Protein backbone atom coordinates (compact mmCIF):
# COMPACT_ATOMS: atom_id res chain seq x y z
CA MET A 1 10.30 19.70 11.52
CA GLY A 2 7.63 17.50 13.02
CA PHE A 3 6.73 14.20 14.60
CA PHE A 4 8.86 12.16 12.16
CA THR A 5 12.01 14.25 12.55
CA GLY A 6 15.01 11.93 12.83
CA LYS A 7 12.93 8.79 12.18
CA LYS A 8 14.41 6.16 9.85
CA VAL A 9 11.81 5.12 7.25
CA VAL A 10 11.88 2.36 4.61
CA ILE A 11 9.18 2.46 1.91
CA THR A 12 8.55 -0.14 -0.79
CA GLY A 13 6.95 1.05 -4.01
CA GLY A 14 8.58 4.38 -3.21
CA SER A 15 9.35 5.45 -6.77
CA SER A 16 5.76 6.31 -7.72
CA GLY A 17 2.17 6.68 -6.53
CA ILE A 18 1.23 6.50 -2.87
CA GLY A 19 4.67 5.21 -1.87
CA LYS A 20 6.44 8.17 -3.46
CA ALA A 21 3.95 10.70 -2.05
CA SER A 22 4.41 9.18 1.43
CA ALA A 23 8.20 9.32 1.09
CA MET A 24 8.05 13.03 0.22
CA LEU A 25 5.87 13.80 3.24
CA PHE A 26 8.17 11.88 5.56
CA ALA A 27 11.16 13.82 4.19
CA LYS A 28 9.33 17.15 4.59
CA ASP A 29 8.71 16.19 8.20
CA GLY A 30 12.40 15.60 8.84
CA ALA A 31 12.76 11.82 8.40
CA ASP A 32 15.61 9.87 6.83
CA VAL A 33 14.04 7.84 4.01
CA CYS A 34 15.06 4.88 1.87
CA ILE A 35 12.75 4.06 -1.02
CA VAL A 36 12.67 0.55 -2.47
CA ALA A 37 11.47 -0.49 -5.95
CA ARG A 38 12.49 -2.49 -9.02
CA ASN A 39 13.12 0.27 -11.58
CA THR A 40 16.50 1.97 -11.08
CA GLU A 41 15.77 4.91 -13.37
CA LYS A 42 12.55 5.76 -11.53
CA LEU A 43 14.30 5.28 -8.18
CA VAL A 44 17.07 7.72 -9.11
CA ASP A 45 14.59 10.38 -10.23
CA ALA A 46 12.39 9.91 -7.16
CA THR A 47 15.41 10.09 -4.83
CA LYS A 48 16.40 13.44 -6.31
CA GLU A 49 12.89 14.74 -5.54
CA LEU A 50 13.11 13.18 -2.11
CA ALA A 51 16.38 14.98 -1.36
CA SER A 52 14.81 18.30 -2.42
CA CYS A 53 12.08 17.79 0.21
CA ALA A 54 14.56 17.39 3.06
CA GLN A 55 14.36 19.98 5.82
CA SER A 56 17.98 19.50 6.88
CA PRO A 57 21.24 18.88 4.97
CA HIS A 58 21.86 16.00 7.37
CA GLN A 59 18.77 14.04 6.27
CA LYS A 60 19.33 10.87 4.26
CA ALA A 61 17.52 10.28 0.97
CA LEU A 62 18.43 6.80 -0.28
CA TYR A 63 17.19 4.18 -2.69
CA PHE A 64 17.60 0.43 -2.98
CA GLU A 65 16.72 -1.56 -6.09
CA LEU A 66 14.92 -4.71 -5.02
CA ASP A 67 12.32 -7.22 -6.22
CA ILE A 68 10.35 -7.78 -3.03
CA SER A 69 8.91 -11.05 -4.37
CA ASP A 70 12.43 -12.56 -4.23
CA ARG A 71 12.61 -13.77 -0.63
CA ALA A 72 16.35 -14.50 -0.60
CA LYS A 73 17.25 -11.06 -1.95
CA VAL A 74 14.91 -9.31 0.46
CA PHE A 75 16.35 -11.14 3.46
CA SER A 76 19.91 -10.25 2.47
CA ALA A 77 18.92 -6.63 1.73
CA GLY A 78 17.45 -6.00 5.18
CA LYS A 79 20.75 -5.63 7.02
CA ILE A 80 22.30 -3.55 4.22
CA ILE A 81 19.41 -1.09 4.20
CA VAL A 82 19.39 -0.72 7.98
CA GLU A 83 23.14 -0.06 7.99
CA LYS A 84 22.91 2.53 5.21
CA LEU A 85 19.95 4.29 6.82
CA GLY A 86 21.46 4.13 10.30
CA GLY A 87 18.56 2.18 11.81
CA ILE A 88 14.87 1.68 11.20
CA ASP A 89 11.82 3.11 12.95
CA ILE A 90 9.09 2.71 10.33
CA LEU A 91 8.56 0.16 7.55
CA VAL A 92 5.93 1.07 4.95
CA ASN A 93 4.86 -1.63 2.46
CA CYS A 94 3.34 0.19 -0.51
CA ALA A 95 4.53 -1.91 -3.44
CA GLY A 96 1.82 -3.63 -5.41
CA ILE A 97 0.48 -4.47 -8.86
CA THR A 98 -2.93 -5.34 -10.25
CA TRP A 99 -4.64 -6.58 -13.41
CA PRO A 100 -8.41 -6.10 -13.62
CA GLY A 101 -10.30 -8.44 -15.88
CA TYR A 102 -12.88 -11.20 -16.16
CA LEU A 103 -11.84 -14.20 -14.06
CA HIS A 104 -11.64 -16.59 -16.99
CA THR A 105 -9.45 -14.25 -19.06
CA ILE A 106 -6.74 -13.35 -16.52
CA PRO A 107 -3.47 -15.16 -17.43
CA ASP A 108 -1.99 -17.69 -15.02
CA LYS A 109 1.19 -15.66 -14.60
CA VAL A 110 -0.80 -12.60 -13.51
CA TRP A 111 -2.42 -14.55 -10.66
CA ASP A 112 1.02 -15.67 -9.48
CA ASP A 113 2.67 -12.26 -9.89
CA ILE A 114 0.00 -10.36 -7.94
CA MET A 115 0.10 -12.84 -5.06
CA ASN A 116 3.92 -12.91 -5.01
CA ILE A 117 4.30 -9.12 -5.04
CA ASP A 118 1.24 -7.76 -3.24
CA TYR A 119 1.06 -10.35 -0.48
CA MET A 120 4.29 -12.33 -0.30
CA GLY A 121 6.31 -9.17 -1.01
CA THR A 122 4.78 -7.58 2.08
CA VAL A 123 5.43 -10.73 4.13
CA ASN A 124 9.04 -10.91 2.88
CA MET A 125 9.77 -7.31 3.87
CA VAL A 126 8.22 -7.71 7.31
CA ARG A 127 10.12 -10.92 7.99
CA ALA A 128 13.39 -9.35 6.83
CA PHE A 129 13.09 -6.32 9.11
CA ILE A 130 11.25 -7.77 12.10
CA PRO A 131 14.45 -8.89 13.90
CA PHE A 132 15.65 -5.27 14.05
CA PHE A 133 12.30 -4.06 15.40
CA MET A 134 12.12 -6.83 17.98
CA GLU A 135 15.67 -6.22 19.19
CA GLN A 136 15.09 -2.48 19.74
CA LYS A 137 11.53 -3.04 21.07
CA HIS A 138 9.95 -0.11 19.26
CA GLY A 139 8.86 0.89 15.77
CA HIS A 140 5.93 0.86 13.39
CA ILE A 141 5.03 -1.36 10.43
CA ALA A 142 2.44 -0.04 7.97
CA ASN A 143 0.94 -2.18 5.19
CA VAL A 144 -1.07 -0.90 2.23
CA SER A 145 -4.13 -2.97 1.46
CA SER A 146 -7.02 -1.55 -0.60
CA VAL A 147 -10.78 -1.18 -0.78
CA CYS A 148 -10.31 -4.59 -2.41
CA GLY A 149 -8.83 -5.74 0.88
CA TYR A 150 -12.11 -5.47 2.76
CA MET A 151 -14.71 -6.14 0.04
CA GLY A 152 -14.80 -8.03 -3.23
CA VAL A 153 -15.04 -5.92 -6.38
CA PHE A 154 -16.08 -7.05 -9.86
CA GLY A 155 -13.06 -7.43 -12.14
CA TYR A 156 -10.55 -7.74 -9.32
CA GLY A 157 -10.71 -11.48 -8.73
CA ALA A 158 -6.91 -11.77 -8.92
CA TYR A 159 -6.30 -8.64 -6.83
CA CYS A 160 -8.77 -8.92 -3.95
CA PRO A 161 -7.45 -12.20 -2.45
CA PRO A 162 -3.85 -10.92 -1.94
CA LYS A 163 -5.18 -7.66 -0.48
CA PHE A 164 -7.50 -9.55 1.87
CA ALA A 165 -4.43 -11.58 2.81
CA VAL A 166 -2.51 -8.38 3.60
CA THR A 167 -5.36 -7.35 5.89
CA GLY A 168 -5.38 -10.69 7.70
CA PHE A 169 -1.60 -10.74 7.94
CA SER A 170 -1.64 -7.25 9.47
CA GLU A 171 -4.17 -8.36 12.09
CA CYS A 172 -1.95 -11.29 13.07
CA LEU A 173 1.16 -9.12 12.99
CA ARG A 174 -0.44 -6.58 15.31
CA GLN A 175 -0.99 -9.26 17.94
CA ASP A 176 2.42 -10.92 17.47
CA LEU A 177 4.30 -7.66 17.98
CA LEU A 178 2.23 -6.21 20.81
CA LYS A 179 4.62 -7.33 23.55
CA TYR A 180 7.56 -5.74 21.70
CA ASN A 181 5.95 -2.27 21.65
CA ILE A 182 5.81 -2.36 17.83
CA SER A 183 2.63 -0.86 16.38
CA VAL A 184 1.01 -1.89 13.09
CA SER A 185 -1.22 -0.09 10.61
CA VAL A 186 -3.14 -1.23 7.56
CA ILE A 187 -4.46 1.34 5.08
CA PHE A 188 -7.36 0.86 2.65
CA PRO A 189 -6.96 3.41 -0.18
CA PRO A 190 -9.79 3.88 -2.68
CA ASP A 191 -9.08 4.61 -6.36
CA THR A 192 -6.07 6.93 -6.33
CA ASN A 193 -4.66 9.01 -9.18
CA THR A 194 -1.51 6.99 -9.78
CA PRO A 195 0.28 5.59 -12.87
CA GLN A 196 -1.09 2.17 -11.90
CA LEU A 197 -4.69 3.41 -12.05
CA LEU A 198 -4.08 4.82 -15.53
CA GLU A 199 -2.88 1.40 -16.67
CA GLU A 200 -5.82 -0.33 -14.98
CA ASN A 201 -8.30 1.88 -16.79
CA LYS A 202 -7.01 0.63 -20.15
CA ILE A 203 -8.12 -2.94 -19.49
CA LYS A 204 -10.93 -2.71 -16.90
CA PRO A 205 -14.13 -4.60 -17.73
CA MET A 206 -17.04 -2.25 -18.41
CA GLU A 207 -18.81 -3.57 -15.32
CA THR A 208 -15.87 -2.45 -13.17
CA LYS A 209 -15.95 1.01 -14.71
CA VAL A 210 -19.69 1.25 -14.05
CA LEU A 211 -19.23 0.37 -10.37
CA ALA A 212 -16.37 2.84 -10.03
CA GLY A 213 -18.20 5.57 -11.92
CA ASN A 214 -19.42 7.50 -8.89
CA VAL A 215 -16.31 6.97 -6.76
CA LYS A 216 -14.22 10.06 -6.13
CA ILE A 217 -10.59 9.53 -7.11
CA LEU A 218 -8.17 10.75 -4.45
CA SER A 219 -4.74 12.24 -5.04
CA PRO A 220 -1.67 10.28 -3.83
CA GLU A 221 -0.83 13.23 -1.59
CA LYS A 222 -4.20 13.10 0.17
CA VAL A 223 -3.91 9.36 0.74
CA ALA A 224 -0.32 9.75 1.94
CA ARG A 225 -1.35 12.52 4.36
CA ALA A 226 -4.01 10.25 5.86
CA PHE A 227 -1.40 7.49 6.04
CA LEU A 228 1.15 9.57 7.96
CA ASP A 229 -1.51 11.02 10.28
CA GLY A 230 -2.66 7.50 11.09
CA ILE A 231 0.87 6.27 11.74
CA GLU A 232 1.54 9.24 14.03
CA LYS A 233 -1.58 8.37 16.04
CA ARG A 234 -0.62 4.65 16.00
CA LYS A 235 -3.97 3.80 14.40
CA PHE A 236 -4.41 0.26 13.18
CA ILE A 237 -7.12 0.87 10.57
CA ILE A 238 -6.61 3.85 8.24
CA VAL A 239 -9.39 4.62 5.74
CA PRO A 240 -8.77 7.71 3.56
CA GLY A 241 -11.69 9.62 2.04
CA LEU A 242 -15.25 10.21 3.28
CA MET A 243 -16.99 7.92 0.76
CA ASN A 244 -14.43 5.22 1.49
CA LYS A 245 -15.13 5.53 5.23
CA ILE A 246 -18.86 5.11 4.57
CA THR A 247 -18.24 2.09 2.34
CA TYR A 248 -15.95 0.53 4.93
CA PHE A 249 -18.53 1.06 7.69
CA LEU A 250 -21.32 -0.47 5.61
CA SER A 251 -19.19 -3.43 4.55
CA LYS A 252 -18.41 -4.23 8.18
CA HIS A 253 -21.82 -3.62 9.75
CA PHE A 254 -24.37 -3.84 6.92
CA PRO A 255 -22.79 -5.96 4.13
CA SER A 256 -26.22 -6.78 2.67
CA ILE A 257 -26.66 -3.10 1.77
CA ILE A 258 -23.38 -3.08 -0.16
CA TRP A 259 -24.35 -6.29 -1.98
CA MET A 260 -27.79 -4.89 -2.82
CA ILE A 261 -26.27 -1.71 -4.32
CA VAL A 262 -23.56 -3.53 -6.28
CA SER A 263 -25.80 -6.29 -7.64
CA GLY A 264 -28.44 -3.71 -8.56
CA ASP A 265 -25.92 -1.63 -10.54
CA LEU A 266 -24.63 -4.73 -12.32
CA ARG A 267 -28.12 -5.94 -13.26
CA LYS A 268 -29.03 -2.49 -14.62
CA PHE A 269 -25.87 -2.47 -16.73
CA TRP A 270 -26.46 -5.95 -18.14
CA LYS A 271 -30.13 -5.18 -18.87
CA LYS A 272 -29.09 -2.05 -20.74
CA GLN A 273 -26.48 -4.00 -22.70
CA ASN A 274 -29.00 -6.68 -23.66
CA ALA A 275 -31.49 -4.06 -24.73
């Protein structure tokens, strides 16, 4: 049992990837957890794993099938989830999708879907649960952004804007909730070994693969561990991985260095292709 013992945690995107890994760690630390996602079959399987991680027979391991891009359904689900879980202390917004590609080839629907799920889905969940947090005057809201939420990356023209929006939203949220004693975190994971990354790799432009070539891929468990440690310390910015920390620092303080490296790698690739 640890810091999160007895805490009530809701996690979107909890049936796979970083969301699932975070849910397991919360359960191992003694928390009651409800995972939220769209795929019932995956939710059922993940909930069984979640229950096996519990440190006490009294811990709750629940799931709720929900499309977070559907505002009306999310708003009506908030009260139901809180009642089933017995309260809420932590909301973790992990759900997200992506579609790497050249700007002119990405379908219209993809642009809409990524914005509606990655950004508006996060906003919907926060707005649905914020009344409970404000009434009790304590809690923590944690939003998953991305490396693509603090710097633009070739091939992610449809993905970076929603993730930048999550970052900006989190900054506003942090200020809005300050007087209610509700803390906020935003996490910037680098490439992580998840089912989503495997799907991305099938359609990534070659330029994107070149830029990502030297980036160390982290495990979902390592990212989740950094996530929980940051939440425990009430950190606002959480940046997992040493290389990611260096990139984040450079992007904030010396952006010209990042641009010089990226543009240099791209020019070398194109020169080689032309040759």
